[in-house]
Amino acid sequence: VQLVESGGGLVQPGGSLRVSCAASGFTFSSYSLSWVRQAPGKGLEWVSRIRGDGYLTYYADSVKGRFTISRDNAKNTLFLQMSSLKPEDTALYYCARTIYYMPDYWGQGTQVTVSS
């Protein structure tokens, strides 16, 4: 199993950014996937989850209405579209394969920094 995140970077408050996660080594459409983040000096925070078929999505209250999770099962890729970004969204963003709501494999993370 391999998960590789990309697309992080520096963005101004109020801006938008899309991060991606390329997956391999397993049957992509059979698994839920999650985004989890870790802000500097803080613990892990679950952000969002999407079912294998893409029809059900879930969000943490802190990002609801601003972030959108999606997936392309034909390309084995997971996305997180982030809008109206705030400085408190600054974190290392991980994608994770998820079984029964628990991540079992993680990527290496992509850094998102929201700052003026």
C-alpha atoms as a PDB file:
ATOM      1  CA  VAL A   1       0.000   0.000   0.000  1.00  0.00           C
ATOM      2  CA  GLN A   2       1.335   3.405  -0.952  1.00  0.00           C
ATOM      3  CA  LEU A   3      -0.244   6.821  -0.464  1.00  0.00           C
ATOM      4  CA  VAL A   4       1.516   9.920  -1.777  1.00  0.00           C
ATOM      5  CA  GLU A   5       0.165  13.385  -1.038  1.00  0.00           C
ATOM      6  CA  SER A   6       0.913  16.456  -3.115  1.00  0.00           C
ATOM      7  CA  GLY A   7      -0.302  19.973  -3.750  1.00  0.00           C
ATOM      8  CA  GLY A   8       0.478  21.655  -0.455  1.00  0.00           C
ATOM      9  CA  GLY A   9       1.987  25.099  -0.256  1.00  0.00           C
ATOM     10  CA  LEU A  10       1.701  28.639   1.042  1.00  0.00           C
ATOM     11  CA  VAL A  11      -1.634  30.408   0.599  1.00  0.00           C
ATOM     12  CA  GLN A  12      -3.046  33.671   1.936  1.00  0.00           C
ATOM     13  CA  PRO A  13      -5.962  33.729   4.368  1.00  0.00           C
ATOM     14  CA  GLY A  14      -9.214  33.485   2.459  1.00  0.00           C
ATOM     15  CA  GLY A  15      -7.525  31.651  -0.386  1.00  0.00           C
ATOM     16  CA  SER A  16      -8.033  28.191  -1.830  1.00  0.00           C
ATOM     17  CA  LEU A  17      -5.871  25.155  -2.373  1.00  0.00           C
ATOM     18  CA  ARG A  18      -6.401  21.582  -3.554  1.00  0.00           C
ATOM     19  CA  VAL A  19      -4.298  18.735  -2.219  1.00  0.00           C
ATOM     20  CA  SER A  20      -4.182  15.291  -3.799  1.00  0.00           C
ATOM     21  CA  CYS A  21      -3.305  11.770  -2.733  1.00  0.00           C
ATOM     22  CA  ALA A  22      -2.204   9.165  -5.270  1.00  0.00           C
ATOM     23  CA  ALA A  23      -2.825   5.607  -4.109  1.00  0.00           C
ATOM     24  CA  SER A  24      -1.455   2.244  -5.199  1.00  0.00           C
ATOM     25  CA  GLY A  25      -1.114  -1.307  -3.971  1.00  0.00           C
ATOM     26  CA  PHE A  26      -4.753  -1.993  -3.110  1.00  0.00           C
ATOM     27  CA  THR A  27      -8.214  -1.971  -4.684  1.00  0.00           C
ATOM     28  CA  PHE A  28      -8.829   1.746  -4.393  1.00  0.00           C
ATOM     29  CA  SER A  29     -12.608   1.810  -4.804  1.00  0.00           C
ATOM     30  CA  SER A  30     -13.105  -0.788  -2.066  1.00  0.00           C
ATOM     31  CA  TYR A  31     -11.876   1.451   0.737  1.00  0.00           C
ATOM     32  CA  SER A  32     -12.950   4.584   2.513  1.00  0.00           C
ATOM     33  CA  LEU A  33     -10.268   7.251   2.670  1.00  0.00           C
ATOM     34  CA  SER A  34      -9.664  10.038   5.131  1.00  0.00           C
ATOM     35  CA  TRP A  35      -7.792  13.292   5.448  1.00  0.00           C
ATOM     36  CA  VAL A  36      -6.140  13.896   8.808  1.00  0.00           C
ATOM     37  CA  ARG A  37      -4.048  16.918   9.738  1.00  0.00           C
ATOM     38  CA  GLN A  38      -1.520  17.862  12.377  1.00  0.00           C
ATOM     39  CA  ALA A  39      -0.897  21.488  13.227  1.00  0.00           C
ATOM     40  CA  PRO A  40       2.479  22.546  14.643  1.00  0.00           C
ATOM     41  CA  GLY A  41       2.785  21.428  18.246  1.00  0.00           C
ATOM     42  CA  LYS A  42      -0.649  19.777  18.276  1.00  0.00           C
ATOM     43  CA  GLY A  43      -2.102  16.310  17.954  1.00  0.00           C
ATOM     44  CA  LEU A  44      -3.757  14.655  14.993  1.00  0.00           C
ATOM     45  CA  GLU A  45      -7.131  16.038  13.887  1.00  0.00           C
ATOM     46  CA  TRP A  46      -9.473  14.098  11.641  1.00  0.00           C
ATOM     47  CA  VAL A  47     -10.687  16.358   8.807  1.00  0.00           C
ATOM     48  CA  SER A  48     -12.861  14.379   6.406  1.00  0.00           C
ATOM     49  CA  ARG A  49     -13.754  10.897   5.152  1.00  0.00           C
ATOM     50  CA  ILE A  50     -15.243   9.568   1.928  1.00  0.00           C
ATOM     51  CA  ARG A  51     -16.760   6.172   1.236  1.00  0.00           C
ATOM     52  CA  GLY A  52     -15.280   3.919  -1.420  1.00  0.00           C
ATOM     53  CA  ASP A  53     -17.958   4.683  -3.986  1.00  0.00           C
ATOM     54  CA  GLY A  54     -17.675   8.420  -3.290  1.00  0.00           C
ATOM     55  CA  TYR A  55     -21.343   8.855  -2.446  1.00  0.00           C
ATOM     56  CA  LEU A  56     -21.003   9.509   1.297  1.00  0.00           C
ATOM     57  CA  THR A  57     -18.762  12.161   2.786  1.00  0.00           C
ATOM     58  CA  TYR A  58     -18.158  13.362   6.327  1.00  0.00           C
ATOM     59  CA  TYR A  59     -16.486  16.464   7.702  1.00  0.00           C
ATOM     60  CA  ALA A  60     -15.184  17.817  10.970  1.00  0.00           C
ATOM     61  CA  ASP A  61     -17.147  20.835  12.190  1.00  0.00           C
ATOM     62  CA  SER A  62     -14.013  22.952  11.882  1.00  0.00           C
ATOM     63  CA  VAL A  63     -13.946  22.555   8.078  1.00  0.00           C
ATOM     64  CA  LYS A  64     -17.589  21.926   7.180  1.00  0.00           C
ATOM     65  CA  GLY A  65     -18.753  24.249   4.423  1.00  0.00           C
ATOM     66  CA  ARG A  66     -15.177  25.205   3.482  1.00  0.00           C
ATOM     67  CA  PHE A  67     -13.548  21.902   2.494  1.00  0.00           C
ATOM     68  CA  THR A  68     -14.738  19.325  -0.036  1.00  0.00           C
ATOM     69  CA  ILE A  69     -13.436  15.769  -0.231  1.00  0.00           C
ATOM     70  CA  SER A  70     -13.703  13.832  -3.485  1.00  0.00           C
ATOM     71  CA  ARG A  71     -12.122  10.900  -5.274  1.00  0.00           C
ATOM     72  CA  ASP A  72     -11.468   9.667  -8.787  1.00  0.00           C
ATOM     73  CA  ASN A  73     -11.635   5.888  -8.652  1.00  0.00           C
ATOM     74  CA  ALA A  74     -10.528   5.594 -12.264  1.00  0.00           C
ATOM     75  CA  LYS A  75      -7.277   7.361 -11.391  1.00  0.00           C
ATOM     76  CA  ASN A  76      -6.842   6.040  -7.820  1.00  0.00           C
ATOM     77  CA  THR A  77      -6.665   9.588  -6.519  1.00  0.00           C
ATOM     78  CA  LEU A  78      -8.155  11.334  -3.506  1.00  0.00           C
ATOM     79  CA  PHE A  79      -8.632  15.101  -3.317  1.00  0.00           C
ATOM     80  CA  LEU A  80      -9.304  17.758  -0.715  1.00  0.00           C
ATOM     81  CA  GLN A  81     -10.468  21.114  -2.038  1.00  0.00           C
ATOM     82  CA  MET A  82      -9.926  23.764   0.628  1.00  0.00           C
ATOM     83  CA  SER A  83     -11.520  27.195   0.428  1.00  0.00           C
ATOM     84  CA  SER A  84     -11.800  30.214   2.734  1.00  0.00           C
ATOM     85  CA  LEU A  85      -8.592  29.072   4.357  1.00  0.00           C
ATOM     86  CA  LYS A  86      -7.698  30.353   7.809  1.00  0.00           C
ATOM     87  CA  PRO A  87      -4.343  30.513   9.597  1.00  0.00           C
ATOM     88  CA  GLU A  88      -5.589  27.765  11.920  1.00  0.00           C
ATOM     89  CA  ASP A  89      -5.805  25.439   8.897  1.00  0.00           C
ATOM     90  CA  THR A  90      -1.987  25.449   8.780  1.00  0.00           C
ATOM     91  CA  ALA A  91      -0.934  21.830   9.212  1.00  0.00           C
ATOM     92  CA  LEU A  92       0.637  18.769   7.697  1.00  0.00           C
ATOM     93  CA  TYR A  93      -2.170  17.038   5.802  1.00  0.00           C
ATOM     94  CA  TYR A  94      -2.160  13.256   5.583  1.00  0.00           C
ATOM     95  CA  CYS A  95      -4.342  10.946   3.563  1.00  0.00           C
ATOM     96  CA  ALA A  96      -5.111   7.585   5.080  1.00  0.00           C
ATOM     97  CA  ARG A  97      -6.808   4.397   4.009  1.00  0.00           C
ATOM     98  CA  THR A  98      -9.641   3.805   6.438  1.00  0.00           C
ATOM     99  CA  ILE A  99     -11.249   0.620   7.725  1.00  0.00           C
ATOM    100  CA  TYR A 100     -14.177   0.815  10.142  1.00  0.00           C
ATOM    101  CA  TYR A 101     -13.458   4.526  10.656  1.00  0.00           C
ATOM    102  CA  MET A 102      -9.808   3.821  11.622  1.00  0.00           C
ATOM    103  CA  PRO A 103      -6.840   4.698   9.399  1.00  0.00           C
ATOM    104  CA  ASP A 104      -4.566   1.758   8.725  1.00  0.00           C
ATOM    105  CA  TYR A 105      -2.109   3.131   6.133  1.00  0.00           C
ATOM    106  CA  TRP A 106      -0.863   6.710   5.926  1.00  0.00           C
ATOM    107  CA  GLY A 107       0.935   8.866   3.417  1.00  0.00           C
ATOM    108  CA  GLN A 108       3.930  11.032   4.279  1.00  0.00           C
ATOM    109  CA  GLY A 109       1.896  14.243   4.354  1.00  0.00           C
ATOM    110  CA  THR A 110       1.861  17.531   2.481  1.00  0.00           C
ATOM    111  CA  GLN A 111       2.370  20.874   4.230  1.00  0.00           C
ATOM    112  CA  VAL A 112      -0.298  23.559   3.974  1.00  0.00           C
ATOM    113  CA  THR A 113       0.589  26.972   5.355  1.00  0.00           C
ATOM    114  CA  VAL A 114      -1.981  29.772   5.539  1.00  0.00           C
ATOM    115  CA  SER A 115      -0.295  33.094   6.124  1.00  0.00           C
ATOM    116  CA  SER A 116      -0.155  36.612   4.779  1.00  0.00           C
END
